[in-house]
Amino acid sequence: MKSEDHRKVAQWHLKQAELHDSVNGYACGCPADEQSARIIKIVDSGAIEEENECSLA
């Protein structure tokens, strides 16, 4: 993806997070898949690294 596409996806996810926080019972339907779990672990560790490919495998 291009940088602008990453930003669009991030913007969408941030809006979903806001809705989760503000609307009782809101569910966006995003699966908590293996890739998302890995991203969460990376962000929680504070070790966000530059990737040469858009692959978290």
N, C-alpha and C. Protein backbone atom coordinates (compact mmCIF):
# COMPACT_ATOMS: atom_id res chain seq x y z
N MET A 1 0.84 -1.19 0.00
CA MET A 1 0.00 0.00 0.00
C MET A 1 0.87 1.24 0.00
N LYS A 2 0.31 2.28 -0.53
CA LYS A 2 0.97 3.58 -0.47
C LYS A 2 0.74 4.21 0.91
N SER A 3 1.56 5.18 1.25
CA SER A 3 1.44 5.81 2.56
C SER A 3 0.05 6.41 2.77
N GLU A 4 -0.51 7.00 1.72
CA GLU A 4 -1.84 7.60 1.88
C GLU A 4 -2.90 6.52 2.14
N ASP A 5 -2.71 5.33 1.58
CA ASP A 5 -3.65 4.23 1.84
C ASP A 5 -3.54 3.74 3.28
N HIS A 6 -2.32 3.64 3.80
CA HIS A 6 -2.14 3.27 5.21
C HIS A 6 -2.84 4.28 6.11
N ARG A 7 -2.71 5.56 5.78
CA ARG A 7 -3.36 6.60 6.58
C ARG A 7 -4.88 6.48 6.54
N LYS A 8 -5.43 6.15 5.39
CA LYS A 8 -6.88 5.97 5.28
C LYS A 8 -7.36 4.81 6.13
N VAL A 9 -6.62 3.70 6.10
CA VAL A 9 -6.98 2.53 6.91
C VAL A 9 -6.87 2.88 8.39
N ALA A 10 -5.80 3.58 8.76
CA ALA A 10 -5.62 3.98 10.15
C ALA A 10 -6.73 4.92 10.60
N GLN A 11 -7.10 5.86 9.73
CA GLN A 11 -8.18 6.80 10.06
C GLN A 11 -9.49 6.04 10.30
N TRP A 12 -9.78 5.05 9.47
CA TRP A 12 -10.99 4.26 9.62
C TRP A 12 -10.96 3.51 10.96
N HIS A 13 -9.81 2.90 11.29
CA HIS A 13 -9.71 2.16 12.54
C HIS A 13 -9.81 3.08 13.75
N LEU A 14 -9.24 4.28 13.67
CA LEU A 14 -9.37 5.22 14.77
C LEU A 14 -10.83 5.61 15.00
N LYS A 15 -11.59 5.81 13.92
CA LYS A 15 -13.01 6.13 14.06
C LYS A 15 -13.76 4.96 14.70
N GLN A 16 -13.42 3.74 14.31
CA GLN A 16 -14.06 2.58 14.90
C GLN A 16 -13.76 2.50 16.40
N ALA A 17 -12.52 2.81 16.78
CA ALA A 17 -12.14 2.81 18.20
C ALA A 17 -12.95 3.85 18.96
N GLU A 18 -13.12 5.04 18.37
CA GLU A 18 -13.94 6.07 19.01
C GLU A 18 -15.36 5.58 19.22
N LEU A 19 -15.92 4.92 18.22
CA LEU A 19 -17.28 4.42 18.33
C LEU A 19 -17.38 3.33 19.39
N HIS A 20 -16.39 2.44 19.46
CA HIS A 20 -16.36 1.42 20.50
C HIS A 20 -16.40 2.05 21.88
N ASP A 21 -15.66 3.16 22.04
CA ASP A 21 -15.59 3.85 23.33
C ASP A 21 -16.86 4.62 23.66
N SER A 22 -17.56 5.13 22.64
CA SER A 22 -18.65 6.06 22.91
C SER A 22 -20.05 5.49 22.71
N VAL A 23 -20.19 4.42 21.97
CA VAL A 23 -21.52 3.88 21.69
C VAL A 23 -21.65 2.52 22.39
N ASN A 24 -22.55 2.46 23.37
CA ASN A 24 -22.73 1.23 24.14
C ASN A 24 -23.11 0.06 23.23
N GLY A 25 -22.34 -0.98 23.25
CA GLY A 25 -22.65 -2.16 22.46
C GLY A 25 -22.20 -2.10 21.02
N TYR A 26 -21.47 -1.04 20.63
CA TYR A 26 -21.03 -0.93 19.24
C TYR A 26 -20.04 -2.03 18.90
N ALA A 27 -20.22 -2.64 17.74
CA ALA A 27 -19.29 -3.65 17.25
C ALA A 27 -19.06 -3.39 15.77
N CYS A 28 -17.78 -3.21 15.39
CA CYS A 28 -17.47 -2.90 13.99
C CYS A 28 -17.39 -4.15 13.14
N GLY A 29 -17.23 -5.30 13.75
CA GLY A 29 -17.16 -6.53 12.99
C GLY A 29 -15.76 -6.90 12.54
N CYS A 30 -14.76 -6.13 12.95
CA CYS A 30 -13.38 -6.46 12.58
C CYS A 30 -12.94 -7.73 13.31
N PRO A 31 -12.41 -8.69 12.58
CA PRO A 31 -11.95 -9.90 13.24
C PRO A 31 -10.64 -9.64 13.99
N ALA A 32 -10.48 -10.26 15.12
CA ALA A 32 -9.21 -10.18 15.85
C ALA A 32 -8.34 -11.32 15.34
N ASP A 33 -7.79 -11.11 14.16
CA ASP A 33 -7.01 -12.17 13.52
C ASP A 33 -5.56 -12.17 13.98
N GLU A 34 -4.78 -13.12 13.45
CA GLU A 34 -3.38 -13.27 13.84
C GLU A 34 -2.56 -12.02 13.53
N GLN A 35 -2.80 -11.40 12.38
CA GLN A 35 -2.07 -10.20 12.00
C GLN A 35 -2.37 -9.06 12.96
N SER A 36 -3.63 -8.88 13.32
CA SER A 36 -3.99 -7.81 14.26
C SER A 36 -3.35 -8.07 15.62
N ALA A 37 -3.34 -9.32 16.06
CA ALA A 37 -2.72 -9.66 17.35
C ALA A 37 -1.24 -9.31 17.33
N ARG A 38 -0.56 -9.58 16.22
CA ARG A 38 0.87 -9.26 16.10
C ARG A 38 1.09 -7.75 16.12
N ILE A 39 0.24 -7.01 15.42
CA ILE A 39 0.35 -5.55 15.41
C ILE A 39 0.17 -4.99 16.83
N ILE A 40 -0.83 -5.48 17.53
CA ILE A 40 -1.10 -5.03 18.90
C ILE A 40 0.12 -5.31 19.78
N LYS A 41 0.71 -6.48 19.65
CA LYS A 41 1.88 -6.85 20.44
C LYS A 41 3.06 -5.92 20.14
N ILE A 42 3.27 -5.60 18.85
CA ILE A 42 4.36 -4.70 18.46
C ILE A 42 4.14 -3.32 19.04
N VAL A 43 2.93 -2.79 18.91
CA VAL A 43 2.63 -1.45 19.42
C VAL A 43 2.77 -1.42 20.93
N ASP A 44 2.25 -2.44 21.62
CA ASP A 44 2.35 -2.49 23.08
C ASP A 44 3.79 -2.55 23.56
N SER A 45 4.66 -3.17 22.79
CA SER A 45 6.08 -3.29 23.18
C SER A 45 6.84 -1.99 22.95
N GLY A 46 6.26 -1.08 22.16
CA GLY A 46 6.93 0.18 21.86
C GLY A 46 7.99 0.04 20.78
N ALA A 47 8.02 -1.11 20.12
CA ALA A 47 9.06 -1.38 19.13
C ALA A 47 8.50 -1.40 17.72
N ILE A 48 7.88 -0.30 17.31
CA ILE A 48 7.39 -0.22 15.94
C ILE A 48 8.60 0.00 15.04
N GLU A 49 8.78 -0.92 14.11
CA GLU A 49 9.96 -0.89 13.26
C GLU A 49 9.58 -0.62 11.82
N GLU A 50 10.53 -0.13 11.07
CA GLU A 50 10.34 0.07 9.65
C GLU A 50 10.29 -1.29 8.97
N GLU A 51 9.33 -1.48 8.11
CA GLU A 51 9.20 -2.73 7.37
C GLU A 51 9.52 -2.46 5.91
N ASN A 52 10.24 -3.36 5.28
CA ASN A 52 10.54 -3.22 3.86
C ASN A 52 9.39 -3.72 3.00
N GLU A 53 8.56 -4.54 3.56
CA GLU A 53 7.40 -5.07 2.86
C GLU A 53 6.19 -4.88 3.76
N CYS A 54 5.02 -4.80 3.15
CA CYS A 54 3.80 -4.67 3.93
C CYS A 54 3.32 -6.07 4.32
N SER A 55 4.14 -6.75 5.07
CA SER A 55 3.85 -8.12 5.47
C SER A 55 4.25 -8.29 6.92
N LEU A 56 3.35 -8.82 7.70
CA LEU A 56 3.65 -9.05 9.11
C LEU A 56 3.86 -10.53 9.40
N ALA A 57 4.05 -11.32 8.36
CA ALA A 57 4.23 -12.77 8.53
C ALA A 57 5.56 -13.08 9.14
